[in-house]
Amino acid sequence: MYNFPVVGPRNTSLLRFGKFQVDREGHELLLGEAAIALQPKAFDLLLFLIDHRDRLVPKEELLGALWPGVIVMEGSLQRVISLLRQVLRSADARITSAPITGSVIASWATCCRSSPR
């Protein structure tokens, strides 16, 4: 597993990990200076994984966080994870799923520093 430190406190608007920069308020993911198109649920998943970067997150918790109060199929979560994996793969970052439990963890183990734009 690769360890990309995410830099900035958990509630900071602008975070950096690996070659990426995340702007919470602007709902924007940057790779270098280029904005990366990311569907809203995939962006929400990214933020959730950054905020919970220090542990495996059970799929039930992810479903509840991404679709609060709505019953969705597990396939919906898998689709969002797949979309985010495709984007992160471009910079050697990744999301790993535990085979038995379906829990999810991102490849950056430590986090975060705010970043000037």
N, C-alpha and C. Protein backbone atom coordinates (compact mmCIF):
# COMPACT_ATOMS: atom_id res chain seq x y z
N MET A 1 0.84 -1.17 0.00
CA MET A 1 0.00 0.00 0.00
C MET A 1 0.89 1.24 0.00
N TYR A 2 0.55 2.21 -0.79
CA TYR A 2 1.28 3.47 -0.82
C TYR A 2 0.78 4.35 0.30
N ASN A 3 1.65 5.13 0.88
CA ASN A 3 1.25 6.07 1.91
C ASN A 3 1.49 7.48 1.42
N PHE A 4 0.41 8.16 1.08
CA PHE A 4 0.48 9.55 0.69
C PHE A 4 -0.03 10.37 1.85
N PRO A 5 0.81 11.18 2.47
CA PRO A 5 0.29 11.99 3.56
C PRO A 5 -0.70 13.01 3.02
N VAL A 6 -1.82 13.15 3.69
CA VAL A 6 -2.77 14.20 3.38
C VAL A 6 -2.47 15.30 4.37
N VAL A 7 -2.30 16.48 3.86
CA VAL A 7 -1.78 17.54 4.69
C VAL A 7 -2.85 18.58 4.93
N GLY A 8 -3.10 18.89 6.21
CA GLY A 8 -4.10 19.87 6.62
C GLY A 8 -5.01 19.24 7.65
N PRO A 9 -5.54 20.02 8.58
CA PRO A 9 -6.47 19.47 9.55
C PRO A 9 -7.72 18.93 8.85
N ARG A 10 -8.42 18.03 9.51
CA ARG A 10 -9.58 17.38 8.89
C ARG A 10 -10.65 18.38 8.43
N ASN A 11 -10.77 19.50 9.10
CA ASN A 11 -11.82 20.46 8.73
C ASN A 11 -11.30 21.59 7.85
N THR A 12 -10.08 21.48 7.36
CA THR A 12 -9.50 22.50 6.50
C THR A 12 -10.15 22.44 5.13
N SER A 13 -10.33 23.59 4.51
CA SER A 13 -10.98 23.64 3.20
C SER A 13 -10.07 23.11 2.09
N LEU A 14 -8.79 23.36 2.19
CA LEU A 14 -7.85 22.98 1.13
C LEU A 14 -6.86 21.95 1.67
N LEU A 15 -6.85 20.76 1.06
CA LEU A 15 -6.00 19.67 1.50
C LEU A 15 -5.14 19.19 0.35
N ARG A 16 -4.00 18.61 0.68
CA ARG A 16 -3.10 18.07 -0.33
C ARG A 16 -2.72 16.65 0.06
N PHE A 17 -2.74 15.74 -0.92
CA PHE A 17 -2.22 14.39 -0.73
C PHE A 17 -1.62 13.92 -2.03
N GLY A 18 -0.41 13.38 -1.93
CA GLY A 18 0.29 12.98 -3.15
C GLY A 18 0.37 14.16 -4.11
N LYS A 19 -0.03 13.92 -5.35
CA LYS A 19 -0.03 14.96 -6.37
C LYS A 19 -1.36 15.71 -6.44
N PHE A 20 -2.29 15.35 -5.57
CA PHE A 20 -3.63 15.93 -5.59
C PHE A 20 -3.80 17.05 -4.59
N GLN A 21 -4.73 17.92 -4.88
CA GLN A 21 -5.16 18.95 -3.96
C GLN A 21 -6.68 18.94 -3.97
N VAL A 22 -7.29 18.95 -2.79
CA VAL A 22 -8.74 18.90 -2.65
C VAL A 22 -9.22 20.22 -2.06
N ASP A 23 -10.16 20.84 -2.73
CA ASP A 23 -10.80 22.06 -2.23
C ASP A 23 -12.21 21.68 -1.78
N ARG A 24 -12.40 21.57 -0.46
CA ARG A 24 -13.71 21.17 0.07
C ARG A 24 -14.81 22.15 -0.32
N GLU A 25 -14.55 23.42 -0.11
CA GLU A 25 -15.58 24.43 -0.35
C GLU A 25 -15.92 24.55 -1.84
N GLY A 26 -14.91 24.48 -2.67
CA GLY A 26 -15.13 24.60 -4.11
C GLY A 26 -15.52 23.29 -4.78
N HIS A 27 -15.59 22.21 -4.00
CA HIS A 27 -15.88 20.87 -4.53
C HIS A 27 -15.02 20.60 -5.76
N GLU A 28 -13.70 20.74 -5.56
CA GLU A 28 -12.79 20.59 -6.69
C GLU A 28 -11.61 19.71 -6.30
N LEU A 29 -11.25 18.84 -7.23
CA LEU A 29 -10.07 18.00 -7.10
C LEU A 29 -9.09 18.43 -8.17
N LEU A 30 -7.86 18.72 -7.76
CA LEU A 30 -6.83 19.17 -8.70
C LEU A 30 -5.70 18.15 -8.73
N LEU A 31 -5.19 17.91 -9.90
CA LEU A 31 -3.97 17.11 -10.08
C LEU A 31 -2.97 18.09 -10.66
N GLY A 32 -2.03 18.53 -9.83
CA GLY A 32 -1.17 19.65 -10.22
C GLY A 32 -2.05 20.89 -10.30
N GLU A 33 -2.08 21.52 -11.46
CA GLU A 33 -2.92 22.69 -11.66
C GLU A 33 -4.21 22.36 -12.41
N ALA A 34 -4.34 21.12 -12.86
CA ALA A 34 -5.50 20.73 -13.68
C ALA A 34 -6.65 20.24 -12.80
N ALA A 35 -7.83 20.78 -13.06
CA ALA A 35 -9.04 20.32 -12.36
C ALA A 35 -9.45 18.96 -12.92
N ILE A 36 -9.80 18.06 -12.03
CA ILE A 36 -10.22 16.71 -12.41
C ILE A 36 -11.73 16.62 -12.27
N ALA A 37 -12.41 16.20 -13.33
CA ALA A 37 -13.86 16.03 -13.28
C ALA A 37 -14.17 14.84 -12.38
N LEU A 38 -15.03 15.07 -11.41
CA LEU A 38 -15.38 14.04 -10.46
C LEU A 38 -16.86 14.18 -10.12
N GLN A 39 -17.61 13.11 -10.24
CA GLN A 39 -19.03 13.15 -9.91
C GLN A 39 -19.21 13.50 -8.44
N PRO A 40 -20.33 14.14 -8.10
CA PRO A 40 -20.54 14.58 -6.71
C PRO A 40 -20.41 13.47 -5.67
N LYS A 41 -20.97 12.31 -5.91
CA LYS A 41 -20.87 11.22 -4.92
C LYS A 41 -19.42 10.74 -4.78
N ALA A 42 -18.67 10.72 -5.87
CA ALA A 42 -17.27 10.32 -5.81
C ALA A 42 -16.47 11.36 -5.00
N PHE A 43 -16.80 12.64 -5.17
CA PHE A 43 -16.14 13.68 -4.38
C PHE A 43 -16.49 13.53 -2.91
N ASP A 44 -17.77 13.26 -2.62
CA ASP A 44 -18.20 13.05 -1.23
C ASP A 44 -17.47 11.85 -0.62
N LEU A 45 -17.31 10.79 -1.40
CA LEU A 45 -16.58 9.62 -0.92
C LEU A 45 -15.13 9.97 -0.62
N LEU A 46 -14.50 10.72 -1.50
CA LEU A 46 -13.12 11.15 -1.27
C LEU A 46 -13.00 11.92 0.04
N LEU A 47 -13.89 12.88 0.25
CA LEU A 47 -13.84 13.66 1.49
C LEU A 47 -14.07 12.78 2.71
N PHE A 48 -15.01 11.85 2.61
CA PHE A 48 -15.29 10.96 3.74
C PHE A 48 -14.07 10.11 4.06
N LEU A 49 -13.41 9.59 3.03
CA LEU A 49 -12.22 8.76 3.26
C LEU A 49 -11.07 9.59 3.82
N ILE A 50 -10.95 10.83 3.39
CA ILE A 50 -9.92 11.71 3.96
C ILE A 50 -10.22 11.96 5.44
N ASP A 51 -11.48 12.24 5.76
CA ASP A 51 -11.85 12.52 7.14
C ASP A 51 -11.72 11.30 8.05
N HIS A 52 -11.77 10.11 7.46
CA HIS A 52 -11.68 8.86 8.23
C HIS A 52 -10.48 8.04 7.79
N ARG A 53 -9.41 8.73 7.47
CA ARG A 53 -8.23 8.12 6.86
C ARG A 53 -7.46 7.19 7.78
N ASP A 54 -7.72 7.27 9.05
CA ASP A 54 -6.95 6.50 10.02
C ASP A 54 -7.56 5.13 10.35
N ARG A 55 -8.57 4.70 9.58
CA ARG A 55 -9.21 3.44 9.89
C ARG A 55 -9.91 2.85 8.67
N LEU A 56 -10.21 1.56 8.75
CA LEU A 56 -11.06 0.93 7.75
C LEU A 56 -12.48 1.43 7.98
N VAL A 57 -13.18 1.74 6.90
CA VAL A 57 -14.55 2.22 7.02
C VAL A 57 -15.48 1.13 6.50
N PRO A 58 -16.38 0.62 7.34
CA PRO A 58 -17.31 -0.41 6.88
C PRO A 58 -18.22 0.11 5.78
N LYS A 59 -18.55 -0.77 4.85
CA LYS A 59 -19.38 -0.35 3.71
C LYS A 59 -20.74 0.17 4.17
N GLU A 60 -21.28 -0.37 5.27
CA GLU A 60 -22.56 0.12 5.76
C GLU A 60 -22.46 1.59 6.19
N GLU A 61 -21.31 1.94 6.78
CA GLU A 61 -21.10 3.33 7.19
C GLU A 61 -20.98 4.24 5.97
N LEU A 62 -20.28 3.76 4.94
CA LEU A 62 -20.17 4.54 3.71
C LEU A 62 -21.54 4.75 3.06
N LEU A 63 -22.32 3.68 3.00
CA LEU A 63 -23.67 3.80 2.42
C LEU A 63 -24.49 4.84 3.18
N GLY A 64 -24.43 4.80 4.51
CA GLY A 64 -25.17 5.76 5.32
C GLY A 64 -24.67 7.18 5.18
N ALA A 65 -23.37 7.34 4.99
CA ALA A 65 -22.80 8.69 4.86
C ALA A 65 -23.08 9.29 3.49
N LEU A 66 -23.01 8.47 2.44
CA LEU A 66 -23.19 8.99 1.08
C LEU A 66 -24.65 9.12 0.68
N TRP A 67 -25.50 8.26 1.24
CA TRP A 67 -26.93 8.28 0.93
C TRP A 67 -27.73 8.25 2.23
N PRO A 68 -27.65 9.32 3.03
CA PRO A 68 -28.34 9.30 4.33
C PRO A 68 -29.86 9.18 4.16
N GLY A 69 -30.42 8.25 4.92
CA GLY A 69 -31.87 8.08 4.90
C GLY A 69 -32.44 7.43 3.65
N VAL A 70 -31.57 6.93 2.78
CA VAL A 70 -32.01 6.32 1.53
C VAL A 70 -31.47 4.89 1.49
N ILE A 71 -32.31 3.98 1.05
CA ILE A 71 -31.86 2.60 0.88
C ILE A 71 -31.32 2.46 -0.54
N VAL A 72 -30.05 2.09 -0.63
CA VAL A 72 -29.41 1.89 -1.94
C VAL A 72 -28.75 0.53 -1.98
N MET A 73 -28.58 0.03 -3.18
CA MET A 73 -27.92 -1.26 -3.35
C MET A 73 -26.41 -1.08 -3.19
N GLU A 74 -25.75 -2.13 -2.75
CA GLU A 74 -24.31 -2.10 -2.57
C GLU A 74 -23.59 -1.79 -3.89
N GLY A 75 -24.19 -2.16 -5.01
CA GLY A 75 -23.61 -1.88 -6.31
C GLY A 75 -23.42 -0.39 -6.56
N SER A 76 -24.29 0.43 -5.98
CA SER A 76 -24.15 1.88 -6.13
C SER A 76 -22.86 2.36 -5.49
N LEU A 77 -22.56 1.83 -4.32
CA LEU A 77 -21.31 2.17 -3.63
C LEU A 77 -20.12 1.67 -4.44
N GLN A 78 -20.20 0.45 -4.94
CA GLN A 78 -19.10 -0.09 -5.73
C GLN A 78 -18.83 0.74 -6.98
N ARG A 79 -19.89 1.26 -7.60
CA ARG A 79 -19.72 2.11 -8.79
C ARG A 79 -18.99 3.40 -8.43
N VAL A 80 -19.35 4.02 -7.31
CA VAL A 80 -18.71 5.26 -6.88
C VAL A 80 -17.25 5.00 -6.52
N ILE A 81 -16.99 3.90 -5.82
CA ILE A 81 -15.61 3.54 -5.48
C ILE A 81 -14.80 3.33 -6.75
N SER A 82 -15.38 2.66 -7.73
CA SER A 82 -14.70 2.41 -8.99
C SER A 82 -14.35 3.71 -9.72
N LEU A 83 -15.29 4.64 -9.74
CA LEU A 83 -15.03 5.94 -10.38
C LEU A 83 -13.87 6.67 -9.69
N LEU A 84 -13.88 6.65 -8.37
CA LEU A 84 -12.81 7.33 -7.63
C LEU A 84 -11.48 6.62 -7.82
N ARG A 85 -11.51 5.30 -7.86
CA ARG A 85 -10.27 4.55 -8.10
C ARG A 85 -9.64 4.92 -9.43
N GLN A 86 -10.45 5.06 -10.46
CA GLN A 86 -9.93 5.42 -11.78
C GLN A 86 -9.20 6.75 -11.74
N VAL A 87 -9.74 7.71 -11.04
CA VAL A 87 -9.12 9.03 -10.95
C VAL A 87 -7.83 8.96 -10.13
N LEU A 88 -7.87 8.31 -8.99
CA LEU A 88 -6.70 8.25 -8.12
C LEU A 88 -5.56 7.45 -8.73
N ARG A 89 -5.89 6.46 -9.52
CA ARG A 89 -4.88 5.61 -10.15
C ARG A 89 -3.92 6.44 -11.01
N SER A 90 -4.40 7.55 -11.56
CA SER A 90 -3.56 8.37 -12.43
C SER A 90 -2.37 8.96 -11.69
N ALA A 91 -2.40 8.95 -10.36
CA ALA A 91 -1.28 9.48 -9.57
C ALA A 91 -0.79 8.45 -8.56
N ASP A 92 -0.99 7.17 -8.87
CA ASP A 92 -0.51 6.09 -8.01
C ASP A 92 -1.10 6.11 -6.60
N ALA A 93 -2.26 6.67 -6.44
CA ALA A 93 -2.99 6.56 -5.17
C ALA A 93 -4.05 5.49 -5.38
N ARG A 94 -4.55 4.91 -4.31
CA ARG A 94 -5.58 3.90 -4.51
C ARG A 94 -6.45 3.73 -3.28
N ILE A 95 -7.58 3.08 -3.53
CA ILE A 95 -8.52 2.73 -2.49
C ILE A 95 -8.53 1.21 -2.42
N THR A 96 -8.42 0.68 -1.22
CA THR A 96 -8.37 -0.76 -1.04
C THR A 96 -9.60 -1.22 -0.28
N SER A 97 -10.20 -2.31 -0.73
CA SER A 97 -11.34 -2.90 -0.04
C SER A 97 -10.90 -4.19 0.64
N ALA A 98 -11.36 -4.38 1.85
CA ALA A 98 -11.08 -5.63 2.57
C ALA A 98 -12.00 -6.71 1.99
N PRO A 99 -11.45 -7.85 1.56
CA PRO A 99 -12.24 -8.84 0.85
C PRO A 99 -13.40 -9.44 1.65
N ILE A 100 -13.25 -9.68 2.92
CA ILE A 100 -14.30 -10.34 3.69
C ILE A 100 -15.37 -9.34 4.13
N THR A 101 -14.94 -8.23 4.70
CA THR A 101 -15.90 -7.29 5.29
C THR A 101 -16.41 -6.25 4.31
N GLY A 102 -15.67 -6.01 3.24
CA GLY A 102 -16.05 -4.96 2.31
C GLY A 102 -15.68 -3.59 2.83
N SER A 103 -14.95 -3.52 3.94
CA SER A 103 -14.52 -2.23 4.47
C SER A 103 -13.55 -1.58 3.49
N VAL A 104 -13.44 -0.27 3.57
CA VAL A 104 -12.65 0.48 2.60
C VAL A 104 -11.65 1.37 3.33
N ILE A 105 -10.45 1.46 2.76
CA ILE A 105 -9.45 2.39 3.27
C ILE A 105 -8.72 3.00 2.07
N ALA A 106 -8.35 4.26 2.21
CA ALA A 106 -7.61 4.93 1.15
C ALA A 106 -6.12 4.68 1.35
N SER A 107 -5.34 4.90 0.31
CA SER A 107 -3.93 4.55 0.35
C SER A 107 -3.07 5.57 1.07
N TRP A 108 -3.63 6.69 1.43
CA TRP A 108 -2.84 7.63 2.20
C TRP A 108 -3.16 7.37 3.66
N ALA A 109 -2.14 7.07 4.44
CA ALA A 109 -2.36 6.66 5.81
C ALA A 109 -2.32 7.82 6.79
N THR A 110 -1.59 8.85 6.45
CA THR A 110 -1.52 10.01 7.34
C THR A 110 -2.04 11.22 6.59
N CYS A 111 -2.49 12.19 7.31
CA CYS A 111 -3.16 13.32 6.70
C CYS A 111 -2.81 14.56 7.48
N CYS A 112 -2.83 15.57 7.23
CA CYS A 112 -3.28 16.57 6.31
C CYS A 112 -2.61 17.91 6.58
N ARG A 113 -2.38 18.72 5.63
CA ARG A 113 -1.88 20.07 5.83
C ARG A 113 -2.64 20.97 4.88
N SER A 114 -2.97 22.14 5.37
CA SER A 114 -3.63 23.09 4.49
C SER A 114 -2.60 23.54 3.47
N SER A 115 -3.11 23.95 2.33
CA SER A 115 -2.20 24.26 1.24
C SER A 115 -2.58 25.59 0.61
N PRO A 116 -1.61 26.47 0.40
CA PRO A 116 -1.93 27.72 -0.29
C PRO A 116 -2.21 27.40 -1.76
N ARG A 117 -3.11 28.11 -2.33
CA ARG A 117 -3.48 27.86 -3.71
C ARG A 117 -2.63 28.61 -4.66
